[in-house]
Amino acid sequence: MSRSNSASSAGYMPSFKDRKSFPDRIRMVQEIQRQQPDKIPIIIERYNTERNLPILDHCKYLVPAHITVADVMQIIRRRLALHPDQAFYLLIDEKSMASITMTVGQVYEMEKDKDGFLYIVYASQPAFG
Protein backbone atom coordinates (compact mmCIF):
# COMPACT_ATOMS: atom_id res chain seq x y z
CA MET A 1 0.00 0.00 0.00
CA SER A 2 1.43 3.32 -0.98
CA ARG A 3 1.19 6.12 1.50
CA SER A 4 1.77 9.55 0.07
CA ASN A 5 0.72 11.40 3.22
CA SER A 6 3.88 12.61 4.98
CA ALA A 7 2.23 12.35 8.40
CA SER A 8 1.41 8.68 7.91
CA SER A 9 4.85 7.85 6.52
CA ALA A 10 6.35 9.47 9.62
CA GLY A 11 4.21 7.16 11.76
CA TYR A 12 1.80 9.77 13.10
CA MET A 13 -1.63 10.68 11.85
CA PRO A 14 -3.94 13.07 13.73
CA SER A 15 -7.15 11.31 14.71
CA PHE A 16 -10.34 11.75 12.73
CA LYS A 17 -11.81 13.67 15.68
CA ASP A 18 -8.79 15.99 15.63
CA ARG A 19 -9.13 16.57 11.88
CA LYS A 20 -12.91 17.10 11.77
CA SER A 21 -15.02 19.31 14.03
CA PHE A 22 -17.92 17.83 16.01
CA PRO A 23 -20.56 19.66 13.88
CA ASP A 24 -18.86 18.43 10.68
CA ARG A 25 -18.86 14.84 11.96
CA ILE A 26 -22.56 15.07 12.86
CA ARG A 27 -23.34 16.41 9.37
CA MET A 28 -21.36 13.56 7.80
CA VAL A 29 -23.30 10.93 9.76
CA GLN A 30 -26.64 12.58 8.96
CA GLU A 31 -25.78 12.57 5.25
CA ILE A 32 -24.64 8.93 5.39
CA GLN A 33 -27.82 7.90 7.21
CA ARG A 34 -29.94 9.77 4.68
CA GLN A 35 -28.21 8.21 1.67
CA GLN A 36 -27.51 4.74 3.07
CA PRO A 37 -29.71 4.06 6.10
CA ASP A 38 -28.83 0.36 6.14
CA LYS A 39 -25.09 1.02 6.65
CA ILE A 40 -23.14 1.69 9.85
CA PRO A 41 -20.61 4.57 9.74
CA ILE A 42 -17.33 3.43 11.31
CA ILE A 43 -14.02 5.18 11.88
CA ILE A 44 -11.13 2.70 12.07
CA GLU A 45 -7.75 4.07 13.12
CA ARG A 46 -4.47 2.78 14.45
CA TYR A 47 -4.10 3.03 18.23
CA ASN A 48 -2.17 6.22 19.03
CA THR A 49 0.90 4.47 20.51
CA GLU A 50 0.96 1.58 18.01
CA ARG A 51 4.16 1.42 15.96
CA ASN A 52 4.23 -2.17 14.63
CA LEU A 53 1.17 -2.01 12.38
CA PRO A 54 0.78 0.29 9.38
CA ILE A 55 -1.78 3.08 9.12
CA LEU A 56 -4.82 2.27 6.99
CA ASP A 57 -5.10 4.13 3.68
CA HIS A 58 -8.41 5.62 4.84
CA CYS A 59 -10.38 5.59 8.09
CA LYS A 60 -14.07 5.98 7.13
CA TYR A 61 -16.00 2.80 6.41
CA LEU A 62 -19.66 2.03 5.77
CA VAL A 63 -20.57 -1.54 6.59
CA PRO A 64 -23.81 -3.50 6.72
CA ALA A 65 -25.21 -3.80 10.25
CA HIS A 66 -25.40 -7.59 9.99
CA ILE A 67 -21.67 -8.29 9.55
CA THR A 68 -19.74 -9.39 12.62
CA VAL A 69 -16.75 -7.90 14.38
CA ALA A 70 -14.81 -10.90 13.01
CA ASP A 71 -15.74 -9.75 9.48
CA VAL A 72 -14.45 -6.25 10.27
CA MET A 73 -11.21 -7.81 11.52
CA GLN A 74 -10.85 -9.63 8.19
CA ILE A 75 -11.39 -6.37 6.30
CA ILE A 76 -8.71 -4.66 8.39
CA ARG A 77 -6.32 -7.62 8.08
CA ARG A 78 -6.71 -7.55 4.29
CA ARG A 79 -6.26 -3.76 4.04
CA LEU A 80 -3.16 -3.87 6.26
CA ALA A 81 -1.78 -6.83 4.25
CA LEU A 82 -0.94 -8.68 7.47
CA HIS A 83 0.58 -12.15 7.55
CA PRO A 84 -2.03 -14.74 8.63
CA ASP A 85 -0.03 -15.44 11.81
CA GLN A 86 0.21 -11.78 12.81
CA ALA A 87 -2.17 -10.95 15.65
CA PHE A 88 -3.92 -7.65 16.17
CA TYR A 89 -6.68 -6.45 18.44
CA LEU A 90 -9.64 -4.11 18.12
CA LEU A 91 -10.69 -1.67 20.80
CA ILE A 92 -14.13 -0.10 20.57
CA ASP A 93 -14.28 3.60 21.49
CA GLU A 94 -10.80 3.24 23.04
CA LYS A 95 -12.24 1.42 26.05
CA SER A 96 -13.46 -2.12 25.37
CA MET A 97 -12.90 -5.14 23.19
CA ALA A 98 -16.06 -6.38 21.49
CA SER A 99 -16.90 -10.04 21.06
CA ILE A 100 -16.02 -11.14 17.54
CA THR A 101 -19.42 -12.81 17.24
CA MET A 102 -21.35 -9.57 17.80
CA THR A 103 -22.75 -7.81 14.77
CA VAL A 104 -21.57 -4.33 13.92
CA GLY A 105 -25.17 -3.18 14.41
CA GLN A 106 -25.18 -4.51 17.98
CA VAL A 107 -21.85 -2.85 18.79
CA TYR A 108 -23.02 0.38 17.15
CA GLU A 109 -26.15 0.57 19.29
CA MET A 110 -24.11 0.08 22.47
CA GLU A 111 -20.97 2.08 21.66
CA LYS A 112 -21.65 4.75 19.02
CA ASP A 113 -20.20 8.16 19.74
CA LYS A 114 -22.28 11.30 20.30
CA ASP A 115 -21.44 12.31 16.73
CA GLY A 116 -22.99 9.09 15.37
CA PHE A 117 -19.80 7.31 14.27
CA LEU A 118 -18.59 4.05 15.78
CA TYR A 119 -14.89 4.46 16.62
CA ILE A 120 -12.58 1.44 16.45
CA VAL A 121 -8.83 1.38 16.98
CA TYR A 122 -6.48 -1.48 16.16
CA ALA A 123 -3.17 -2.46 17.74
CA SER A 124 -0.69 -5.32 17.80
CA GLN A 125 -0.84 -5.70 21.60
CA PRO A 126 -3.92 -6.55 23.70
CA ALA A 127 -2.86 -4.26 26.56
CA PHE A 128 -3.88 -0.69 25.75
CA GLY A 129 -2.24 1.56 28.24
C-alpha atoms as a PDB file:
ATOM      1  CA  MET A   1       0.000   0.000   0.000  1.00  0.00           C
ATOM      2  CA  SER A   2       1.432   3.322  -0.981  1.00  0.00           C
ATOM      3  CA  ARG A   3       1.190   6.120   1.501  1.00  0.00           C
ATOM      4  CA  SER A   4       1.771   9.546   0.074  1.00  0.00           C
ATOM      5  CA  ASN A   5       0.723  11.396   3.217  1.00  0.00           C
ATOM      6  CA  SER A   6       3.876  12.612   4.977  1.00  0.00           C
ATOM      7  CA  ALA A   7       2.228  12.354   8.395  1.00  0.00           C
ATOM      8  CA  SER A   8       1.414   8.685   7.909  1.00  0.00           C
ATOM      9  CA  SER A   9       4.848   7.849   6.522  1.00  0.00           C
ATOM     10  CA  ALA A  10       6.350   9.469   9.616  1.00  0.00           C
ATOM     11  CA  GLY A  11       4.208   7.163  11.759  1.00  0.00           C
ATOM     12  CA  TYR A  12       1.799   9.772  13.104  1.00  0.00           C
ATOM     13  CA  MET A  13      -1.634  10.680  11.853  1.00  0.00           C
ATOM     14  CA  PRO A  14      -3.941  13.066  13.733  1.00  0.00           C
ATOM     15  CA  SER A  15      -7.152  11.306  14.707  1.00  0.00           C
ATOM     16  CA  PHE A  16     -10.342  11.751  12.726  1.00  0.00           C
ATOM     17  CA  LYS A  17     -11.814  13.666  15.684  1.00  0.00           C
ATOM     18  CA  ASP A  18      -8.787  15.989  15.627  1.00  0.00           C
ATOM     19  CA  ARG A  19      -9.132  16.569  11.880  1.00  0.00           C
ATOM     20  CA  LYS A  20     -12.912  17.101  11.768  1.00  0.00           C
ATOM     21  CA  SER A  21     -15.022  19.307  14.026  1.00  0.00           C
ATOM     22  CA  PHE A  22     -17.917  17.833  16.006  1.00  0.00           C
ATOM     23  CA  PRO A  23     -20.557  19.658  13.881  1.00  0.00           C
ATOM     24  CA  ASP A  24     -18.856  18.429  10.683  1.00  0.00           C
ATOM     25  CA  ARG A  25     -18.862  14.840  11.958  1.00  0.00           C
ATOM     26  CA  ILE A  26     -22.564  15.072  12.860  1.00  0.00           C
ATOM     27  CA  ARG A  27     -23.337  16.410   9.365  1.00  0.00           C
ATOM     28  CA  MET A  28     -21.363  13.556   7.800  1.00  0.00           C
ATOM     29  CA  VAL A  29     -23.304  10.927   9.758  1.00  0.00           C
ATOM     30  CA  GLN A  30     -26.642  12.578   8.957  1.00  0.00           C
ATOM     31  CA  GLU A  31     -25.782  12.568   5.254  1.00  0.00           C
ATOM     32  CA  ILE A  32     -24.644   8.933   5.394  1.00  0.00           C
ATOM     33  CA  GLN A  33     -27.822   7.896   7.207  1.00  0.00           C
ATOM     34  CA  ARG A  34     -29.944   9.770   4.678  1.00  0.00           C
ATOM     35  CA  GLN A  35     -28.211   8.212   1.667  1.00  0.00           C
ATOM     36  CA  GLN A  36     -27.505   4.738   3.069  1.00  0.00           C
ATOM     37  CA  PRO A  37     -29.714   4.062   6.100  1.00  0.00           C
ATOM     38  CA  ASP A  38     -28.827   0.365   6.136  1.00  0.00           C
ATOM     39  CA  LYS A  39     -25.088   1.021   6.645  1.00  0.00           C
ATOM     40  CA  ILE A  40     -23.140   1.691   9.853  1.00  0.00           C
ATOM     41  CA  PRO A  41     -20.610   4.568   9.745  1.00  0.00           C
ATOM     42  CA  ILE A  42     -17.333   3.432  11.311  1.00  0.00           C
ATOM     43  CA  ILE A  43     -14.022   5.178  11.877  1.00  0.00           C
ATOM     44  CA  ILE A  44     -11.131   2.705  12.068  1.00  0.00           C
ATOM     45  CA  GLU A  45      -7.748   4.069  13.119  1.00  0.00           C
ATOM     46  CA  ARG A  46      -4.467   2.776  14.451  1.00  0.00           C
ATOM     47  CA  TYR A  47      -4.095   3.032  18.234  1.00  0.00           C
ATOM     48  CA  ASN A  48      -2.171   6.222  19.025  1.00  0.00           C
ATOM     49  CA  THR A  49       0.902   4.469  20.506  1.00  0.00           C
ATOM     50  CA  GLU A  50       0.957   1.584  18.007  1.00  0.00           C
ATOM     51  CA  ARG A  51       4.156   1.419  15.958  1.00  0.00           C
ATOM     52  CA  ASN A  52       4.231  -2.174  14.630  1.00  0.00           C
ATOM     53  CA  LEU A  53       1.175  -2.013  12.375  1.00  0.00           C
ATOM     54  CA  PRO A  54       0.777   0.294   9.381  1.00  0.00           C
ATOM     55  CA  ILE A  55      -1.778   3.078   9.124  1.00  0.00           C
ATOM     56  CA  LEU A  56      -4.816   2.269   6.986  1.00  0.00           C
ATOM     57  CA  ASP A  57      -5.104   4.131   3.685  1.00  0.00           C
ATOM     58  CA  HIS A  58      -8.413   5.623   4.844  1.00  0.00           C
ATOM     59  CA  CYS A  59     -10.381   5.592   8.087  1.00  0.00           C
ATOM     60  CA  LYS A  60     -14.072   5.978   7.131  1.00  0.00           C
ATOM     61  CA  TYR A  61     -16.001   2.804   6.412  1.00  0.00           C
ATOM     62  CA  LEU A  62     -19.659   2.027   5.765  1.00  0.00           C
ATOM     63  CA  VAL A  63     -20.569  -1.541   6.594  1.00  0.00           C
ATOM     64  CA  PRO A  64     -23.815  -3.504   6.723  1.00  0.00           C
ATOM     65  CA  ALA A  65     -25.215  -3.798  10.248  1.00  0.00           C
ATOM     66  CA  HIS A  66     -25.403  -7.594   9.989  1.00  0.00           C
ATOM     67  CA  ILE A  67     -21.672  -8.286   9.546  1.00  0.00           C
ATOM     68  CA  THR A  68     -19.744  -9.395  12.618  1.00  0.00           C
ATOM     69  CA  VAL A  69     -16.751  -7.895  14.377  1.00  0.00           C
ATOM     70  CA  ALA A  70     -14.806 -10.899  13.006  1.00  0.00           C
ATOM     71  CA  ASP A  71     -15.744  -9.754   9.478  1.00  0.00           C
ATOM     72  CA  VAL A  72     -14.450  -6.253  10.275  1.00  0.00           C
ATOM     73  CA  MET A  73     -11.207  -7.809  11.521  1.00  0.00           C
ATOM     74  CA  GLN A  74     -10.853  -9.632   8.190  1.00  0.00           C
ATOM     75  CA  ILE A  75     -11.389  -6.375   6.299  1.00  0.00           C
ATOM     76  CA  ILE A  76      -8.707  -4.664   8.394  1.00  0.00           C
ATOM     77  CA  ARG A  77      -6.317  -7.622   8.077  1.00  0.00           C
ATOM     78  CA  ARG A  78      -6.705  -7.547   4.289  1.00  0.00           C
ATOM     79  CA  ARG A  79      -6.258  -3.763   4.045  1.00  0.00           C
ATOM     80  CA  LEU A  80      -3.157  -3.869   6.264  1.00  0.00           C
ATOM     81  CA  ALA A  81      -1.781  -6.825   4.253  1.00  0.00           C
ATOM     82  CA  LEU A  82      -0.935  -8.679   7.466  1.00  0.00           C
ATOM     83  CA  HIS A  83       0.576 -12.148   7.554  1.00  0.00           C
ATOM     84  CA  PRO A  84      -2.030 -14.743   8.630  1.00  0.00           C
ATOM     85  CA  ASP A  85      -0.031 -15.441  11.811  1.00  0.00           C
ATOM     86  CA  GLN A  86       0.208 -11.775  12.808  1.00  0.00           C
ATOM     87  CA  ALA A  87      -2.175 -10.951  15.645  1.00  0.00           C
ATOM     88  CA  PHE A  88      -3.921  -7.655  16.171  1.00  0.00           C
ATOM     89  CA  TYR A  89      -6.680  -6.448  18.442  1.00  0.00           C
ATOM     90  CA  LEU A  90      -9.640  -4.108  18.123  1.00  0.00           C
ATOM     91  CA  LEU A  91     -10.692  -1.672  20.798  1.00  0.00           C
ATOM     92  CA  ILE A  92     -14.133  -0.099  20.567  1.00  0.00           C
ATOM     93  CA  ASP A  93     -14.283   3.596  21.489  1.00  0.00           C
ATOM     94  CA  GLU A  94     -10.801   3.243  23.044  1.00  0.00           C
ATOM     95  CA  LYS A  95     -12.243   1.416  26.048  1.00  0.00           C
ATOM     96  CA  SER A  96     -13.455  -2.123  25.372  1.00  0.00           C
ATOM     97  CA  MET A  97     -12.897  -5.139  23.188  1.00  0.00           C
ATOM     98  CA  ALA A  98     -16.064  -6.383  21.491  1.00  0.00           C
ATOM     99  CA  SER A  99     -16.899 -10.038  21.062  1.00  0.00           C
ATOM    100  CA  ILE A 100     -16.017 -11.138  17.542  1.00  0.00           C
ATOM    101  CA  THR A 101     -19.417 -12.815  17.244  1.00  0.00           C
ATOM    102  CA  MET A 102     -21.353  -9.573  17.798  1.00  0.00           C
ATOM    103  CA  THR A 103     -22.750  -7.811  14.765  1.00  0.00           C
ATOM    104  CA  VAL A 104     -21.573  -4.328  13.922  1.00  0.00           C
ATOM    105  CA  GLY A 105     -25.169  -3.179  14.409  1.00  0.00           C
ATOM    106  CA  GLN A 106     -25.177  -4.507  17.983  1.00  0.00           C
ATOM    107  CA  VAL A 107     -21.854  -2.853  18.785  1.00  0.00           C
ATOM    108  CA  TYR A 108     -23.020   0.381  17.149  1.00  0.00           C
ATOM    109  CA  GLU A 109     -26.151   0.572  19.295  1.00  0.00           C
ATOM    110  CA  MET A 110     -24.105   0.082  22.471  1.00  0.00           C
ATOM    111  CA  GLU A 111     -20.969   2.079  21.660  1.00  0.00           C
ATOM    112  CA  LYS A 112     -21.653   4.746  19.017  1.00  0.00           C
ATOM    113  CA  ASP A 113     -20.200   8.163  19.740  1.00  0.00           C
ATOM    114  CA  LYS A 114     -22.281  11.299  20.302  1.00  0.00           C
ATOM    115  CA  ASP A 115     -21.436  12.306  16.731  1.00  0.00           C
ATOM    116  CA  GLY A 116     -22.992   9.091  15.372  1.00  0.00           C
ATOM    117  CA  PHE A 117     -19.803   7.309  14.274  1.00  0.00           C
ATOM    118  CA  LEU A 118     -18.588   4.051  15.778  1.00  0.00           C
ATOM    119  CA  TYR A 119     -14.887   4.456  16.622  1.00  0.00           C
ATOM    120  CA  ILE A 120     -12.582   1.441  16.447  1.00  0.00           C
ATOM    121  CA  VAL A 121      -8.826   1.376  16.983  1.00  0.00           C
ATOM    122  CA  TYR A 122      -6.476  -1.482  16.159  1.00  0.00           C
ATOM    123  CA  ALA A 123      -3.170  -2.458  17.742  1.00  0.00           C
ATOM    124  CA  SER A 124      -0.691  -5.320  17.805  1.00  0.00           C
ATOM    125  CA  GLN A 125      -0.843  -5.697  21.601  1.00  0.00           C
ATOM    126  CA  PRO A 126      -3.917  -6.552  23.697  1.00  0.00           C
ATOM    127  CA  ALA A 127      -2.861  -4.257  26.564  1.00  0.00           C
ATOM    128  CA  PHE A 128      -3.877  -0.686  25.747  1.00  0.00           C
ATOM    129  CA  GLY A 129      -2.242   1.565  28.244  1.00  0.00           C
END
